[in-house]
Amino acid sequence: MTKSKYQGVILAAGHGTRMGPFGDLFPKPIVPICNQPLLVYQIEYMRQLGIDEVFIVIGHRGHLISQLLGDGSTWGVTIRYVEQERRLGIAHAVGILERHLDRPFLLMLGDIFFEMTDVGRMVREFEEHQASAVLAVKEETDPEAVKRNFAVILHEDGTVRRVIEKPRHVPNMLKGCGVYLFDLPIFDAIRRTPRTAMRDEYELTDSIQILIDYDYRVRVAPVVDWDTNVTVIGDLIRCCVHELKKRHAAYVLGESCAIADGVEFVESCVGDNVTISRPARLERCVVFPGARLDEGRDLTDAVVTQHATLRAGHD
């Protein structure tokens, strides 16, 4: 079998500590966005580049990820799982994959929902400029969005001069978005990456800066139109509402649901095998598969699972 030109990597080992009991029960990378796991959207972008082998780094409740995605054949890829036993930062998570990767690879952070156009531009930048890395970027309008991610500073020729993790003072509005195309020298840089004083972790941005300082060419590609890091309950709702608007849909309803007469859905996503036994209005709600609502009360900005109902703003 002919190998694909690139491999795929998704980091999905994090623990949703700011999502309350929801984060204890569910790995963030498989939360449903319009009834499709977040990771599946990322796999679909990888398939656009011809990637057919994807490594997923798992940790917190990682068995739920492997149970859901299986071997990847449903989505036209082969998925291999690698466990990160200790969470020591993004660079550490990438570093444990060195023995598995033998080609350039597309890396995505598994707790971020992306809407991207022309992801192939990353490959074109990589190949046409013989780069060692390409960073997906977005021109922001809100400085706080840059502060939550990382800032990218360019030379006049478009190559990256500097990356700054979670800058306190924003140098510009060009934000790194959590999608990267790397060649194998990134592993040399990771081995030279120290733990940070700020978070006592191995930061991938430090590894990228080491590449730059050793005169490896790092480029950018403005391919991200919209992105949200799923950190709290409200972020999950925001992603679902955004995807509904993109589809021009008022709501999505899963299979084998039992819905009482008089139930109204407004900008809501309802999974498979859901029971709602009394009339109610659900506005901007995400209802997980198998959940049951018997109270007949209206809900707004809520996530409903089999175990609990969680309100945005109370995560």
Protein backbone atom coordinates (compact mmCIF):
# COMPACT_ATOMS: atom_id res chain seq x y z
CA MET A 1 0.00 0.00 0.00
CA THR A 2 1.28 3.47 -0.88
CA LYS A 3 1.87 5.65 2.16
CA SER A 4 0.11 8.99 2.33
CA LYS A 5 2.43 11.97 2.18
CA TYR A 6 1.51 13.19 5.64
CA GLN A 7 0.43 11.70 8.93
CA GLY A 8 -2.12 13.15 11.34
CA VAL A 9 -1.88 13.81 15.07
CA ILE A 10 -4.63 14.91 17.45
CA LEU A 11 -3.88 15.69 21.09
CA ALA A 12 -6.85 14.54 23.18
CA ALA A 13 -5.41 13.82 26.64
CA GLY A 14 -6.64 16.89 28.51
CA HIS A 15 -9.01 17.00 31.46
CA GLY A 16 -11.86 19.53 31.30
CA THR A 17 -11.29 20.86 34.81
CA ARG A 18 -13.33 24.02 34.16
CA MET A 19 -16.40 22.09 33.00
CA GLY A 20 -17.38 20.86 36.45
CA PRO A 21 -18.83 17.34 36.70
CA PHE A 22 -19.20 17.26 32.91
CA GLY A 23 -15.41 17.37 32.55
CA ASP A 24 -15.01 14.46 34.94
CA LEU A 25 -17.36 12.28 32.90
CA PHE A 26 -16.55 13.19 29.27
CA PRO A 27 -13.30 13.84 27.40
CA LYS A 28 -13.72 17.25 25.76
CA PRO A 29 -12.50 16.06 22.32
CA ILE A 30 -15.60 13.90 21.82
CA VAL A 31 -18.26 16.40 22.86
CA PRO A 32 -21.01 16.46 20.21
CA ILE A 33 -21.12 19.44 17.86
CA CYS A 34 -24.45 19.07 16.06
CA ASN A 35 -24.41 15.38 17.03
CA GLN A 36 -20.95 14.72 15.60
CA PRO A 37 -17.92 14.31 17.90
CA LEU A 38 -15.53 17.24 17.80
CA LEU A 39 -12.66 14.95 16.81
CA VAL A 40 -14.52 13.81 13.71
CA TYR A 41 -14.51 17.35 12.31
CA GLN A 42 -10.73 17.35 12.72
CA ILE A 43 -10.36 13.96 11.08
CA GLU A 44 -12.41 15.22 8.14
CA TYR A 45 -9.99 18.11 7.64
CA MET A 46 -7.12 15.63 7.66
CA ARG A 47 -8.84 13.53 5.03
CA GLN A 48 -8.97 16.61 2.80
CA LEU A 49 -5.16 16.46 2.74
CA GLY A 50 -5.13 12.76 1.88
CA ILE A 51 -4.10 11.76 5.41
CA ASP A 52 -5.17 8.19 6.16
CA GLU A 53 -3.23 7.48 9.36
CA VAL A 54 -4.06 9.44 12.51
CA PHE A 55 -2.44 9.16 15.93
CA ILE A 56 -4.59 10.28 18.86
CA VAL A 57 -2.87 11.01 22.16
CA ILE A 58 -5.29 10.06 24.94
CA GLY A 59 -5.30 10.50 28.71
CA HIS A 60 -8.29 11.38 30.88
CA ARG A 61 -11.03 8.80 30.19
CA GLY A 62 -9.29 7.99 26.95
CA HIS A 63 -11.07 4.64 26.70
CA LEU A 64 -14.25 6.56 25.84
CA ILE A 65 -12.48 8.10 22.84
CA SER A 66 -11.22 4.76 21.56
CA GLN A 67 -14.63 3.14 22.12
CA LEU A 68 -16.36 5.87 20.11
CA LEU A 69 -13.91 6.20 17.21
CA GLY A 70 -12.65 2.62 17.08
CA ASP A 71 -10.09 1.93 14.38
CA GLY A 72 -11.18 4.96 12.32
CA SER A 73 -12.47 2.95 9.37
CA THR A 74 -15.87 4.67 9.58
CA TRP A 75 -14.13 7.90 8.58
CA GLY A 76 -11.68 6.47 6.08
CA VAL A 77 -8.58 6.54 8.29
CA THR A 78 -6.57 4.23 10.49
CA ILE A 79 -6.51 5.51 14.06
CA ARG A 80 -3.74 4.57 16.47
CA TYR A 81 -3.96 5.52 20.14
CA VAL A 82 -1.02 6.55 22.30
CA GLU A 83 -1.49 7.26 26.00
CA GLN A 84 0.10 10.26 27.69
CA GLU A 85 0.55 9.01 31.23
CA ARG A 86 1.56 12.41 32.65
CA ARG A 87 0.24 15.74 31.38
CA LEU A 88 3.39 17.83 31.03
CA GLY A 89 2.35 20.16 28.23
CA ILE A 90 1.72 20.11 24.50
CA ALA A 91 5.37 19.68 23.51
CA HIS A 92 5.64 16.66 25.80
CA ALA A 93 2.51 15.15 24.23
CA VAL A 94 3.97 15.57 20.75
CA GLY A 95 7.37 14.28 21.85
CA ILE A 96 6.05 10.89 22.93
CA LEU A 97 5.00 10.29 19.30
CA GLU A 98 8.50 10.55 17.83
CA ARG A 99 8.95 6.80 17.45
CA HIS A 100 5.59 6.53 15.66
CA LEU A 101 6.03 9.29 13.05
CA ASP A 102 8.24 9.02 9.99
CA ARG A 103 6.83 11.79 7.79
CA PRO A 104 5.64 15.39 8.12
CA PHE A 105 2.44 15.52 10.15
CA LEU A 106 -0.57 17.74 10.67
CA LEU A 107 -1.16 18.38 14.36
CA MET A 108 -4.45 19.57 15.86
CA LEU A 109 -5.40 20.30 19.45
CA GLY A 110 -8.39 18.09 20.16
CA ASP A 111 -10.33 20.47 22.40
CA ILE A 112 -10.64 23.27 19.83
CA PHE A 113 -13.47 23.48 17.31
CA PHE A 114 -12.23 24.93 14.03
CA GLU A 115 -13.95 26.19 10.93
CA MET A 116 -11.31 26.28 8.22
CA THR A 117 -11.26 27.12 4.55
CA ASP A 118 -8.64 25.71 2.20
CA VAL A 119 -6.65 23.75 4.76
CA GLY A 120 -4.57 22.70 1.75
CA ARG A 121 -2.91 26.12 1.87
CA MET A 122 -0.87 24.83 4.80
CA VAL A 123 0.57 22.12 2.58
CA ARG A 124 1.28 24.59 -0.22
CA GLU A 125 3.14 26.90 2.16
CA PHE A 126 5.05 23.92 3.53
CA GLU A 127 6.11 22.58 0.16
CA GLU A 128 6.61 25.76 -1.87
CA HIS A 129 8.76 27.42 0.81
CA GLN A 130 10.48 24.20 1.97
CA ALA A 131 9.37 25.02 5.48
CA SER A 132 9.93 22.97 8.62
CA ALA A 133 6.65 24.16 10.10
CA VAL A 134 3.48 25.98 9.08
CA LEU A 135 1.22 27.54 11.71
CA ALA A 136 -2.49 28.08 11.11
CA VAL A 137 -3.28 31.67 12.07
CA LYS A 138 -6.20 34.06 12.26
CA GLU A 139 -6.38 37.85 12.28
CA GLU A 140 -8.26 38.64 15.48
CA THR A 141 -10.28 41.69 16.44
CA ASP A 142 -10.23 40.97 20.18
CA PRO A 143 -6.85 41.21 21.97
CA GLU A 144 -8.14 38.84 24.67
CA ALA A 145 -8.38 36.07 22.09
CA VAL A 146 -4.67 36.47 21.35
CA LYS A 147 -3.86 36.49 25.07
CA ARG A 148 -5.61 33.16 25.49
CA ASN A 149 -3.58 31.56 22.68
CA PHE A 150 -0.28 32.72 21.20
CA ALA A 151 0.88 35.70 19.19
CA VAL A 152 2.82 35.36 15.93
CA ILE A 153 5.30 37.98 14.74
CA LEU A 154 6.48 37.85 11.13
CA HIS A 155 9.47 39.03 9.12
CA GLU A 156 8.72 41.12 6.05
CA ASP A 157 9.12 38.04 3.83
CA GLY A 158 6.31 36.25 5.70
CA THR A 159 8.43 33.84 7.71
CA VAL A 160 7.86 33.70 11.44
CA ARG A 161 10.26 35.69 13.62
CA ARG A 162 8.76 35.01 17.02
CA VAL A 163 5.91 33.22 18.78
CA ILE A 164 4.73 34.30 22.23
CA GLU A 165 2.64 31.99 24.40
CA LYS A 166 -0.32 33.73 26.11
CA PRO A 167 1.19 37.22 25.82
CA ARG A 168 0.32 39.70 28.55
CA HIS A 169 1.06 42.56 26.15
CA VAL A 170 -0.31 41.79 22.69
CA PRO A 171 2.21 42.72 19.95
CA ASN A 172 -0.29 42.37 17.09
CA MET A 173 -3.56 40.68 16.29
CA LEU A 174 -2.17 37.62 14.49
CA LYS A 175 -3.18 34.63 16.59
CA GLY A 176 -1.89 31.09 16.42
CA CYS A 177 -4.84 28.71 16.39
CA GLY A 178 -3.77 25.22 17.43
CA VAL A 179 -3.27 23.64 13.98
CA TYR A 180 0.29 22.96 12.83
CA LEU A 181 2.09 21.22 9.99
CA PHE A 182 5.49 19.98 11.17
CA ASP A 183 8.46 18.25 9.63
CA LEU A 184 10.47 15.86 11.77
CA PRO A 185 13.04 18.42 13.06
CA ILE A 186 10.37 19.53 15.52
CA PHE A 187 11.42 16.56 17.65
CA ASP A 188 14.99 17.89 17.92
CA ALA A 189 13.50 21.18 19.09
CA ILE A 190 11.25 19.43 21.62
CA ARG A 191 14.25 17.66 23.15
CA ARG A 192 15.84 21.09 23.69
CA THR A 193 12.69 22.59 25.20
CA PRO A 194 12.85 23.42 28.92
CA ARG A 195 9.91 23.44 31.30
CA THR A 196 8.38 26.89 31.61
CA ALA A 197 8.30 28.92 34.79
CA MET A 198 4.75 30.06 33.95
CA ARG A 199 3.00 26.68 33.90
CA ASP A 200 5.77 24.16 34.64
CA GLU A 201 5.07 22.49 31.32
CA TYR A 202 6.85 21.91 28.04
CA GLU A 203 5.31 24.51 25.73
CA LEU A 204 5.07 23.79 22.01
CA THR A 205 5.55 27.49 21.27
CA ASP A 206 8.98 27.27 22.93
CA SER A 207 9.83 24.35 20.65
CA ILE A 208 8.71 26.36 17.61
CA GLN A 209 10.87 29.28 18.73
CA ILE A 210 13.84 26.93 19.01
CA LEU A 211 13.24 25.86 15.40
CA ILE A 212 13.25 29.52 14.37
CA ASP A 213 16.39 30.29 16.38
CA TYR A 214 18.17 27.38 14.66
CA ASP A 215 17.27 28.92 11.27
CA TYR A 216 14.57 26.45 10.31
CA ARG A 217 11.93 28.11 8.13
CA VAL A 218 8.54 28.55 9.83
CA ARG A 219 5.61 29.96 7.84
CA VAL A 220 1.96 30.80 8.50
CA ALA A 221 -1.30 30.07 6.70
CA PRO A 222 -4.44 32.14 7.43
CA VAL A 223 -6.87 29.23 7.08
CA VAL A 224 -8.95 29.53 10.27
CA ASP A 225 -12.21 31.46 9.90
CA TRP A 226 -13.64 30.68 13.33
CA ASP A 227 -12.41 28.79 16.37
CA THR A 228 -13.38 28.16 19.97
CA ASN A 229 -11.47 26.31 22.65
CA VAL A 230 -14.07 24.19 24.43
CA THR A 231 -13.16 25.16 27.98
CA VAL A 232 -16.51 25.69 29.73
CA ILE A 233 -20.10 24.58 29.10
CA GLY A 234 -20.93 27.81 27.27
CA ASP A 235 -18.20 27.11 24.71
CA LEU A 236 -19.85 23.82 23.72
CA ILE A 237 -23.19 25.59 23.26
CA ARG A 238 -21.52 28.37 21.25
CA CYS A 239 -19.93 25.82 18.88
CA CYS A 240 -23.23 24.04 18.31
CA VAL A 241 -25.11 27.28 17.61
CA HIS A 242 -22.38 28.37 15.19
CA GLU A 243 -22.55 25.07 13.31
CA LEU A 244 -26.36 25.23 13.16
CA LYS A 245 -26.17 28.69 11.59
CA LYS A 246 -23.60 27.44 9.11
CA ARG A 247 -26.04 24.68 8.12
CA HIS A 248 -29.01 27.11 8.07
CA ALA A 249 -30.77 24.80 10.53
CA ALA A 250 -32.95 25.72 13.51
CA TYR A 251 -32.03 22.51 15.32
CA VAL A 252 -30.82 18.94 14.83
CA LEU A 253 -32.63 15.89 16.19
CA GLY A 254 -31.02 12.47 16.52
CA GLU A 255 -32.49 9.07 15.75
CA SER A 256 -34.91 7.03 17.87
CA CYS A 257 -36.02 9.96 20.01
CA ALA A 258 -39.31 10.11 21.88
CA ILE A 259 -40.44 13.73 21.85
CA ALA A 260 -43.78 14.83 23.35
CA ASP A 261 -46.17 17.08 21.46
CA GLY A 262 -45.57 20.73 22.27
CA VAL A 263 -41.78 20.51 22.62
CA GLU A 264 -40.07 23.41 20.86
CA PHE A 265 -36.41 23.47 19.82
CA VAL A 266 -34.61 26.77 19.16
CA GLU A 267 -30.92 26.63 18.17
CA SER A 268 -30.58 23.28 19.95
CA CYS A 269 -28.96 19.93 19.26
CA VAL A 270 -30.58 16.72 20.49
CA GLY A 271 -28.74 13.40 20.33
CA ASP A 272 -29.96 9.88 19.63
CA ASN A 273 -32.36 8.03 21.95
CA VAL A 274 -33.42 11.14 23.85
CA THR A 275 -36.75 11.19 25.69
CA ILE A 276 -38.62 14.43 26.42
CA SER A 277 -41.93 13.39 27.93
CA ARG A 278 -43.63 16.76 28.53
CA PRO A 279 -44.00 20.00 26.54
CA ALA A 280 -41.04 22.36 26.97
CA ARG A 281 -39.02 24.94 25.10
CA LEU A 282 -35.31 24.24 24.67
CA GLU A 283 -33.31 27.23 23.49
CA ARG A 284 -29.58 26.99 22.83
CA CYS A 285 -29.38 23.58 24.46
CA VAL A 286 -27.23 20.53 23.80
CA VAL A 287 -28.88 17.24 24.80
CA PHE A 288 -26.59 14.23 24.92
CA PRO A 289 -27.60 10.79 23.62
CA GLY A 290 -29.75 8.81 26.00
CA ALA A 291 -30.75 11.78 28.14
CA ARG A 292 -34.24 12.02 29.56
CA LEU A 293 -36.26 15.12 30.43
CA ASP A 294 -39.49 14.55 32.35
CA GLU A 295 -40.00 17.83 34.21
CA GLY A 296 -41.69 19.78 31.44
CA ARG A 297 -39.68 22.93 32.22
CA ASP A 298 -38.11 25.30 29.73
CA LEU A 299 -34.34 25.32 29.38
CA THR A 300 -32.02 27.97 27.97
CA ASP A 301 -28.24 27.77 27.52
CA ALA A 302 -27.95 24.30 29.04
CA VAL A 303 -26.20 21.00 28.42
CA VAL A 304 -28.24 17.94 29.37
CA THR A 305 -26.58 14.55 29.90
CA GLN A 306 -27.88 11.29 31.35
CA HIS A 307 -26.37 12.37 34.66
CA ALA A 308 -27.08 16.10 35.05
CA THR A 309 -28.29 19.35 33.54
CA LEU A 310 -25.58 22.01 33.48
CA ARG A 311 -26.20 25.68 32.79
CA ALA A 312 -23.82 28.00 30.94
CA GLY A 313 -22.46 30.55 33.34
CA HIS A 314 -22.51 28.05 36.18
CA ASP A 315 -19.63 25.89 34.95
